[in-house]
Amino acid sequence: MNIRPIDVKILYPKSTEVSQIVFGEQQKENMLKHINAQKNQSKVDEDLKRVRGKDNVSEIRIPQKQERERQRAKKEKKPNKGLDIRV
């Protein structure tokens, strides 16, 4: 099949249009990947800040837990002064 000059004149503009469309789609994909990567990185940064901020919290919770255990032990030691039911 021979290509005539008229066919080349028609094909050339179409090929540039197609290449521009393909390039535009590739750019969209690259932009979306970049945006998602930035969102993920910011989420990772926030999570790291939360974890680093919680280091001191564990030190605070241990004394609180010990205090609760002491209070429970005191409550268990106290005799019940309320009802005296004998059979």
PDB file of N, CA and C in Angstrom:
ATOM      1  N   MET A   1       0.848  -1.166   0.000  1.00  0.00           N
ATOM      2  CA  MET A   1       0.000   0.000   0.000  1.00  0.00           C
ATOM      3  C   MET A   1       0.895   1.229   0.000  1.00  0.00           C
ATOM      4  N   ASN A   2       0.708   2.051  -0.967  1.00  0.00           N
ATOM      5  CA  ASN A   2       1.497   3.265  -1.107  1.00  0.00           C
ATOM      6  C   ASN A   2       0.850   4.413  -0.342  1.00  0.00           C
ATOM      7  N   ILE A   3       1.717   5.294   0.184  1.00  0.00           N
ATOM      8  CA  ILE A   3       1.218   6.474   0.869  1.00  0.00           C
ATOM      9  C   ILE A   3       1.351   7.638  -0.096  1.00  0.00           C
ATOM     10  N   ARG A   4       0.252   8.271  -0.338  1.00  0.00           N
ATOM     11  CA  ARG A   4       0.249   9.402  -1.256  1.00  0.00           C
ATOM     12  C   ARG A   4       0.495  10.690  -0.491  1.00  0.00           C
ATOM     13  N   PRO A   5       0.928  11.735  -1.121  1.00  0.00           N
ATOM     14  CA  PRO A   5       1.167  13.004  -0.448  1.00  0.00           C
ATOM     15  C   PRO A   5      -0.067  13.542   0.282  1.00  0.00           C
ATOM     16  N   ILE A   6      -1.216  13.283  -0.237  1.00  0.00           N
ATOM     17  CA  ILE A   6      -2.438  13.755   0.412  1.00  0.00           C
ATOM     18  C   ILE A   6      -2.626  13.034   1.750  1.00  0.00           C
ATOM     19  N   ASP A   7      -2.346  11.743   1.789  1.00  0.00           N
ATOM     20  CA  ASP A   7      -2.473  10.976   3.019  1.00  0.00           C
ATOM     21  C   ASP A   7      -1.491  11.465   4.081  1.00  0.00           C
ATOM     22  N   VAL A   8      -0.288  11.820   3.674  1.00  0.00           N
ATOM     23  CA  VAL A   8       0.715  12.310   4.618  1.00  0.00           C
ATOM     24  C   VAL A   8       0.263  13.624   5.218  1.00  0.00           C
ATOM     25  N   LYS A   9      -0.326  14.478   4.416  1.00  0.00           N
ATOM     26  CA  LYS A   9      -0.818  15.759   4.924  1.00  0.00           C
ATOM     27  C   LYS A   9      -1.912  15.546   5.974  1.00  0.00           C
ATOM     28  N   ILE A  10      -2.701  14.529   5.829  1.00  0.00           N
ATOM     29  CA  ILE A  10      -3.770  14.253   6.776  1.00  0.00           C
ATOM     30  C   ILE A  10      -3.214  13.550   8.010  1.00  0.00           C
ATOM     31  N   LEU A  11      -2.297  12.612   7.842  1.00  0.00           N
ATOM     32  CA  LEU A  11      -1.767  11.834   8.952  1.00  0.00           C
ATOM     33  C   LEU A  11      -0.885  12.649   9.889  1.00  0.00           C
ATOM     34  N   TYR A  12      -0.108  13.555   9.362  1.00  0.00           N
ATOM     35  CA  TYR A  12       0.831  14.298  10.205  1.00  0.00           C
ATOM     36  C   TYR A  12       0.129  15.104  11.294  1.00  0.00           C
ATOM     37  N   PRO A  13      -0.875  15.908  10.990  1.00  0.00           N
ATOM     38  CA  PRO A  13      -1.565  16.640  12.063  1.00  0.00           C
ATOM     39  C   PRO A  13      -2.224  15.695  13.082  1.00  0.00           C
ATOM     40  N   LYS A  14      -2.758  14.590  12.605  1.00  0.00           N
ATOM     41  CA  LYS A  14      -3.397  13.649  13.528  1.00  0.00           C
ATOM     42  C   LYS A  14      -2.366  13.033  14.474  1.00  0.00           C
ATOM     43  N   SER A  15      -1.186  12.740  13.969  1.00  0.00           N
ATOM     44  CA  SER A  15      -0.172  12.132  14.834  1.00  0.00           C
ATOM     45  C   SER A  15       0.291  13.116  15.907  1.00  0.00           C
ATOM     46  N   THR A  16       0.392  14.392  15.566  1.00  0.00           N
ATOM     47  CA  THR A  16       0.769  15.375  16.592  1.00  0.00           C
ATOM     48  C   THR A  16      -0.335  15.528  17.626  1.00  0.00           C
ATOM     49  N   GLU A  17      -1.585  15.474  17.199  1.00  0.00           N
ATOM     50  CA  GLU A  17      -2.692  15.552  18.153  1.00  0.00           C
ATOM     51  C   GLU A  17      -2.673  14.365  19.109  1.00  0.00           C
ATOM     52  N   VAL A  18      -2.455  13.201  18.551  1.00  0.00           N
ATOM     53  CA  VAL A  18      -2.425  11.998  19.374  1.00  0.00           C
ATOM     54  C   VAL A  18      -1.257  12.062  20.359  1.00  0.00           C
ATOM     55  N   SER A  19      -0.107  12.500  19.890  1.00  0.00           N
ATOM     56  CA  SER A  19       1.044  12.579  20.790  1.00  0.00           C
ATOM     57  C   SER A  19       0.805  13.616  21.892  1.00  0.00           C
ATOM     58  N   GLN A  20       0.141  14.710  21.576  1.00  0.00           N
ATOM     59  CA  GLN A  20      -0.181  15.707  22.591  1.00  0.00           C
ATOM     60  C   GLN A  20      -1.170  15.154  23.620  1.00  0.00           C
ATOM     61  N   ILE A  21      -2.138  14.393  23.166  1.00  0.00           N
ATOM     62  CA  ILE A  21      -3.116  13.799  24.077  1.00  0.00           C
ATOM     63  C   ILE A  21      -2.426  12.805  25.002  1.00  0.00           C
ATOM     64  N   VAL A  22      -1.564  11.973  24.437  1.00  0.00           N
ATOM     65  CA  VAL A  22      -0.843  10.983  25.245  1.00  0.00           C
ATOM     66  C   VAL A  22       0.063  11.686  26.249  1.00  0.00           C
ATOM     67  N   PHE A  23       0.745  12.736  25.821  1.00  0.00           N
ATOM     68  CA  PHE A  23       1.619  13.480  26.715  1.00  0.00           C
ATOM     69  C   PHE A  23       0.819  14.110  27.858  1.00  0.00           C
ATOM     70  N   GLY A  24      -0.348  14.658  27.530  1.00  0.00           N
ATOM     71  CA  GLY A  24      -1.208  15.249  28.552  1.00  0.00           C
ATOM     72  C   GLY A  24      -1.662  14.220  29.580  1.00  0.00           C
ATOM     73  N   GLU A  25      -2.014  13.026  29.128  1.00  0.00           N
ATOM     74  CA  GLU A  25      -2.418  11.965  30.052  1.00  0.00           C
ATOM     75  C   GLU A  25      -1.260  11.543  30.951  1.00  0.00           C
ATOM     76  N   GLN A  26      -0.073  11.464  30.380  1.00  0.00           N
ATOM     77  CA  GLN A  26       1.100  11.112  31.177  1.00  0.00           C
ATOM     78  C   GLN A  26       1.386  12.183  32.226  1.00  0.00           C
ATOM     79  N   GLN A  27       1.228  13.437  31.851  1.00  0.00           N
ATOM     80  CA  GLN A  27       1.437  14.527  32.796  1.00  0.00           C
ATOM     81  C   GLN A  27       0.429  14.452  33.938  1.00  0.00           C
ATOM     82  N   LYS A  28      -0.825  14.149  33.616  1.00  0.00           N
ATOM     83  CA  LYS A  28      -1.851  14.019  34.651  1.00  0.00           C
ATOM     84  C   LYS A  28      -1.472  12.914  35.636  1.00  0.00           C
ATOM     85  N   GLU A  29      -1.067  11.771  35.099  1.00  0.00           N
ATOM     86  CA  GLU A  29      -0.680  10.656  35.962  1.00  0.00           C
ATOM     87  C   GLU A  29       0.499  11.038  36.851  1.00  0.00           C
ATOM     88  N   ASN A  30       1.479  11.713  36.272  1.00  0.00           N
ATOM     89  CA  ASN A  30       2.651  12.130  37.051  1.00  0.00           C
ATOM     90  C   ASN A  30       2.260  13.119  38.143  1.00  0.00           C
ATOM     91  N   MET A  31       1.370  14.044  37.821  1.00  0.00           N
ATOM     92  CA  MET A  31       0.930  15.013  38.814  1.00  0.00           C
ATOM     93  C   MET A  31       0.179  14.329  39.948  1.00  0.00           C
ATOM     94  N   LEU A  32      -0.701  13.390  39.621  1.00  0.00           N
ATOM     95  CA  LEU A  32      -1.452  12.678  40.652  1.00  0.00           C
ATOM     96  C   LEU A  32      -0.526  11.857  41.544  1.00  0.00           C
ATOM     97  N   LYS A  33       0.463  11.216  40.938  1.00  0.00           N
ATOM     98  CA  LYS A  33       1.434  10.457  41.730  1.00  0.00           C
ATOM     99  C   LYS A  33       2.203  11.377  42.666  1.00  0.00           C
ATOM    100  N   HIS A  34       2.586  12.531  42.166  1.00  0.00           N
ATOM    101  CA  HIS A  34       3.341  13.492  42.975  1.00  0.00           C
ATOM    102  C   HIS A  34       2.487  14.006  44.136  1.00  0.00           C
ATOM    103  N   ILE A  35       1.235  14.325  43.856  1.00  0.00           N
ATOM    104  CA  ILE A  35       0.333  14.820  44.900  1.00  0.00           C
ATOM    105  C   ILE A  35       0.116  13.749  45.965  1.00  0.00           C
ATOM    106  N   ASN A  36      -0.102  12.510  45.532  1.00  0.00           N
ATOM    107  CA  ASN A  36      -0.295  11.417  46.494  1.00  0.00           C
ATOM    108  C   ASN A  36       0.964  11.186  47.323  1.00  0.00           C
ATOM    109  N   ALA A  37       2.126  11.300  46.688  1.00  0.00           N
ATOM    110  CA  ALA A  37       3.381  11.121  47.422  1.00  0.00           C
ATOM    111  C   ALA A  37       3.534  12.216  48.481  1.00  0.00           C
ATOM    112  N   GLN A  38       3.175  13.447  48.147  1.00  0.00           N
ATOM    113  CA  GLN A  38       3.260  14.537  49.113  1.00  0.00           C
ATOM    114  C   GLN A  38       2.283  14.325  50.268  1.00  0.00           C
ATOM    115  N   LYS A  39       1.075  13.872  49.975  1.00  0.00           N
ATOM    116  CA  LYS A  39       0.094  13.608  51.035  1.00  0.00           C
ATOM    117  C   LYS A  39       0.597  12.508  51.960  1.00  0.00           C
ATOM    118  N   ASN A  40       1.138  11.445  51.367  1.00  0.00           N
ATOM    119  CA  ASN A  40       1.652  10.347  52.185  1.00  0.00           C
ATOM    120  C   ASN A  40       2.813  10.816  53.054  1.00  0.00           C
ATOM    121  N   GLN A  41       3.690  11.642  52.495  1.00  0.00           N
ATOM    122  CA  GLN A  41       4.836  12.124  53.257  1.00  0.00           C
ATOM    123  C   GLN A  41       4.383  13.012  54.417  1.00  0.00           C
ATOM    124  N   SER A  42       3.395  13.860  54.175  1.00  0.00           N
ATOM    125  CA  SER A  42       2.908  14.715  55.257  1.00  0.00           C
ATOM    126  C   SER A  42       2.232  13.872  56.344  1.00  0.00           C
ATOM    127  N   LYS A  43       1.526  12.812  55.945  1.00  0.00           N
ATOM    128  CA  LYS A  43       0.898  11.930  56.936  1.00  0.00           C
ATOM    129  C   LYS A  43       1.964  11.217  57.761  1.00  0.00           C
ATOM    130  N   VAL A  44       3.020  10.772  57.115  1.00  0.00           N
ATOM    131  CA  VAL A  44       4.114  10.111  57.832  1.00  0.00           C
ATOM    132  C   VAL A  44       4.760  11.083  58.815  1.00  0.00           C
ATOM    133  N   ASP A  45       4.960  12.310  58.389  1.00  0.00           N
ATOM    134  CA  ASP A  45       5.548  13.320  59.277  1.00  0.00           C
ATOM    135  C   ASP A  45       4.663  13.563  60.498  1.00  0.00           C
ATOM    136  N   GLU A  46       3.349  13.661  60.272  1.00  0.00           N
ATOM    137  CA  GLU A  46       2.420  13.875  61.395  1.00  0.00           C
ATOM    138  C   GLU A  46       2.443  12.686  62.351  1.00  0.00           C
ATOM    139  N   ASP A  47       2.477  11.488  61.800  1.00  0.00           N
ATOM    140  CA  ASP A  47       2.518  10.288  62.642  1.00  0.00           C
ATOM    141  C   ASP A  47       3.798  10.245  63.468  1.00  0.00           C
ATOM    142  N   LEU A  48       4.909  10.636  62.868  1.00  0.00           N
ATOM    143  CA  LEU A  48       6.168  10.669  63.606  1.00  0.00           C
ATOM    144  C   LEU A  48       6.108  11.679  64.741  1.00  0.00           C
ATOM    145  N   LYS A  49       5.500  12.833  64.491  1.00  0.00           N
ATOM    146  CA  LYS A  49       5.369  13.836  65.540  1.00  0.00           C
ATOM    147  C   LYS A  49       4.527  13.304  66.695  1.00  0.00           C
ATOM    148  N   ARG A  50       3.452  12.576  66.361  1.00  0.00           N
ATOM    149  CA  ARG A  50       2.604  12.011  67.401  1.00  0.00           C
ATOM    150  C   ARG A  50       3.364  10.992  68.241  1.00  0.00           C
ATOM    151  N   VAL A  51       4.128  10.141  67.574  1.00  0.00           N
ATOM    152  CA  VAL A  51       4.867   9.111  68.289  1.00  0.00           C
ATOM    153  C   VAL A  51       5.927   9.742  69.183  1.00  0.00           C
ATOM    154  N   ARG A  52       6.625  10.710  68.665  1.00  0.00           N
ATOM    155  CA  ARG A  52       7.659  11.378  69.462  1.00  0.00           C
ATOM    156  C   ARG A  52       7.050  12.131  70.629  1.00  0.00           C
ATOM    157  N   GLY A  53       5.867  12.653  70.457  1.00  0.00           N
ATOM    158  CA  GLY A  53       5.192  13.377  71.525  1.00  0.00           C
ATOM    159  C   GLY A  53       4.663  12.459  72.612  1.00  0.00           C
ATOM    160  N   LYS A  54       4.474  11.201  72.310  1.00  0.00           N
ATOM    161  CA  LYS A  54       3.922  10.267  73.281  1.00  0.00           C
ATOM    162  C   LYS A  54       4.987   9.632  74.167  1.00  0.00           C
ATOM    163  N   ASP A  55       6.248   9.902  73.955  1.00  0.00           N
ATOM    164  CA  ASP A  55       7.296   9.324  74.793  1.00  0.00           C
ATOM    165  C   ASP A  55       7.110   9.711  76.253  1.00  0.00           C
ATOM    166  N   ASN A  56       6.809  10.951  76.508  1.00  0.00           N
ATOM    167  CA  ASN A  56       6.633  11.420  77.883  1.00  0.00           C
ATOM    168  C   ASN A  56       5.320  10.934  78.479  1.00  0.00           C
ATOM    169  N   VAL A  57       4.347  10.672  77.665  1.00  0.00           N
ATOM    170  CA  VAL A  57       3.047  10.236  78.149  1.00  0.00           C
ATOM    171  C   VAL A  57       3.169   8.884  78.845  1.00  0.00           C
ATOM    172  N   SER A  58       3.982   7.983  78.315  1.00  0.00           N
ATOM    173  CA  SER A  58       4.120   6.670  78.942  1.00  0.00           C
ATOM    174  C   SER A  58       4.752   6.789  80.327  1.00  0.00           C
ATOM    175  N   GLU A  59       5.638   7.721  80.492  1.00  0.00           N
ATOM    176  CA  GLU A  59       6.243   7.927  81.798  1.00  0.00           C
ATOM    177  C   GLU A  59       5.223   8.468  82.795  1.00  0.00           C
ATOM    178  N   ILE A  60       4.288   9.243  82.340  1.00  0.00           N
ATOM    179  CA  ILE A  60       3.258   9.802  83.208  1.00  0.00           C
ATOM    180  C   ILE A  60       2.242   8.728  83.577  1.00  0.00           C
ATOM    181  N   ARG A  61       1.919   7.859  82.672  1.00  0.00           N
ATOM    182  CA  ARG A  61       0.881   6.858  82.904  1.00  0.00           C
ATOM    183  C   ARG A  61       1.320   5.801  83.914  1.00  0.00           C
ATOM    184  N   ILE A  62       2.579   5.477  83.968  1.00  0.00           N
ATOM    185  CA  ILE A  62       3.053   4.463  84.910  1.00  0.00           C
ATOM    186  C   ILE A  62       2.780   4.887  86.352  1.00  0.00           C
ATOM    187  N   PRO A  63       3.146   6.084  86.765  1.00  0.00           N
ATOM    188  CA  PRO A  63       2.801   6.488  88.140  1.00  0.00           C
ATOM    189  C   PRO A  63       1.296   6.531  88.386  1.00  0.00           C
ATOM    190  N   GLN A  64       0.519   6.920  87.417  1.00  0.00           N
ATOM    191  CA  GLN A  64      -0.927   6.952  87.582  1.00  0.00           C
ATOM    192  C   GLN A  64      -1.464   5.541  87.803  1.00  0.00           C
ATOM    193  N   LYS A  65      -0.937   4.581  87.064  1.00  0.00           N
ATOM    194  CA  LYS A  65      -1.376   3.206  87.222  1.00  0.00           C
ATOM    195  C   LYS A  65      -0.999   2.682  88.606  1.00  0.00           C
ATOM    196  N   GLN A  66       0.194   3.016  89.052  1.00  0.00           N
ATOM    197  CA  GLN A  66       0.620   2.587  90.383  1.00  0.00           C
ATOM    198  C   GLN A  66      -0.267   3.211  91.458  1.00  0.00           C
ATOM    199  N   GLU A  67      -0.637   4.451  91.266  1.00  0.00           N
ATOM    200  CA  GLU A  67      -1.508   5.134  92.220  1.00  0.00           C
ATOM    201  C   GLU A  67      -2.879   4.452  92.271  1.00  0.00           C
ATOM    202  N   ARG A  68      -3.431   4.069  91.146  1.00  0.00           N
ATOM    203  CA  ARG A  68      -4.713   3.378  91.110  1.00  0.00           C
ATOM    204  C   ARG A  68      -4.633   2.037  91.836  1.00  0.00           C
ATOM    205  N   GLU A  69      -3.535   1.321  91.620  1.00  0.00           N
ATOM    206  CA  GLU A  69      -3.370   0.030  92.296  1.00  0.00           C
ATOM    207  C   GLU A  69      -3.294   0.210  93.807  1.00  0.00           C
ATOM    208  N   ARG A  70      -2.652   1.230  94.270  1.00  0.00           N
ATOM    209  CA  ARG A  70      -2.580   1.514  95.713  1.00  0.00           C
ATOM    210  C   ARG A  70      -3.971   1.802  96.273  1.00  0.00           C
ATOM    211  N   GLN A  71      -4.752   2.592  95.551  1.00  0.00           N
ATOM    212  CA  GLN A  71      -6.097   2.915  96.007  1.00  0.00           C
ATOM    213  C   GLN A  71      -6.974   1.670  96.061  1.00  0.00           C
ATOM    214  N   ARG A  72      -6.844   0.796  95.090  1.00  0.00           N
ATOM    215  CA  ARG A  72      -7.618  -0.443  95.085  1.00  0.00           C
ATOM    216  C   ARG A  72      -7.224  -1.323  96.265  1.00  0.00           C
ATOM    217  N   ALA A  73      -5.933  -1.385  96.542  1.00  0.00           N
ATOM    218  CA  ALA A  73      -5.468  -2.193  97.668  1.00  0.00           C
ATOM    219  C   ALA A  73      -6.028  -1.650  98.979  1.00  0.00           C
ATOM    220  N   LYS A  74      -6.091  -0.339  99.134  1.00  0.00           N
ATOM    221  CA  LYS A  74      -6.643   0.268 100.347  1.00  0.00           C
ATOM    222  C   LYS A  74      -8.126  -0.053 100.481  1.00  0.00           C
ATOM    223  N   LYS A  75      -8.858  -0.011  99.373  1.00  0.00           N
ATOM    224  CA  LYS A  75     -10.284  -0.304  99.408  1.00  0.00           C
ATOM    225  C   LYS A  75     -10.531  -1.756  99.792  1.00  0.00           C
ATOM    226  N   GLU A  76      -9.692  -2.652  99.315  1.00  0.00           N
ATOM    227  CA  GLU A  76      -9.872  -4.072  99.627  1.00  0.00           C
ATOM    228  C   GLU A  76      -9.544  -4.363 101.086  1.00  0.00           C
ATOM    229  N   LYS A  77      -8.645  -3.644 101.681  1.00  0.00           N
ATOM    230  CA  LYS A  77      -8.254  -3.865 103.070  1.00  0.00           C
ATOM    231  C   LYS A  77      -9.327  -3.401 104.050  1.00  0.00           C
ATOM    232  N   LYS A  78     -10.087  -2.390 103.695  1.00  0.00           N
ATOM    233  CA  LYS A  78     -11.117  -1.862 104.587  1.00  0.00           C
ATOM    234  C   LYS A  78     -12.222  -2.892 104.747  1.00  0.00           C
ATOM    235  N   PRO A  79     -12.649  -3.169 105.974  1.00  0.00           N
ATOM    236  CA  PRO A  79     -13.763  -4.107 106.165  1.00  0.00           C
ATOM    237  C   PRO A  79     -15.076  -3.434 105.801  1.00  0.00           C
ATOM    238  N   ASN A  80     -16.011  -4.242 105.402  1.00  0.00           N
ATOM    239  CA  ASN A  80     -17.332  -3.720 105.075  1.00  0.00           C
ATOM    240  C   ASN A  80     -18.077  -3.432 106.366  1.00  0.00           C
ATOM    241  N   LYS A  81     -18.394  -2.186 106.608  1.00  0.00           N
ATOM    242  CA  LYS A  81     -19.075  -1.765 107.834  1.00  0.00           C
ATOM    243  C   LYS A  81     -20.582  -1.690 107.633  1.00  0.00           C
ATOM    244  N   GLY A  82     -21.042  -1.967 106.451  1.00  0.00           N
ATOM    245  CA  GLY A  82     -22.450  -1.808 106.125  1.00  0.00           C
ATOM    246  C   GLY A  82     -23.315  -2.892 106.698  1.00  0.00           C
ATOM    247  N   LEU A  83     -23.666  -3.882 105.983  1.00  0.00           N
ATOM    248  CA  LEU A  83     -24.639  -4.900 106.369  1.00  0.00           C
ATOM    249  C   LEU A  83     -23.957  -6.066 107.078  1.00  0.00           C
ATOM    250  N   ASP A  84     -24.648  -6.565 108.089  1.00  0.00           N
ATOM    251  CA  ASP A  84     -24.185  -7.745 108.796  1.00  0.00           C
ATOM    252  C   ASP A  84     -25.310  -8.760 108.737  1.00  0.00           C
ATOM    253  N   ILE A  85     -25.203  -9.695 107.853  1.00  0.00           N
ATOM    254  CA  ILE A  85     -26.265 -10.683 107.640  1.00  0.00           C
ATOM    255  C   ILE A  85     -25.780 -12.014 108.217  1.00  0.00           C
ATOM    256  N   ARG A  86     -26.547 -12.495 109.226  1.00  0.00           N
ATOM    257  CA  ARG A  86     -26.201 -13.787 109.821  1.00  0.00           C
ATOM    258  C   ARG A  86     -27.375 -14.733 109.635  1.00  0.00           C
ATOM    259  N   VAL A  87     -27.049 -15.965 109.409  1.00  0.00           N
ATOM    260  CA  VAL A  87     -28.103 -16.937 109.186  1.00  0.00           C
ATOM    261  C   VAL A  87     -28.261 -17.838 110.376  1.00  0.00           C
TER     262      VAL A  87
END
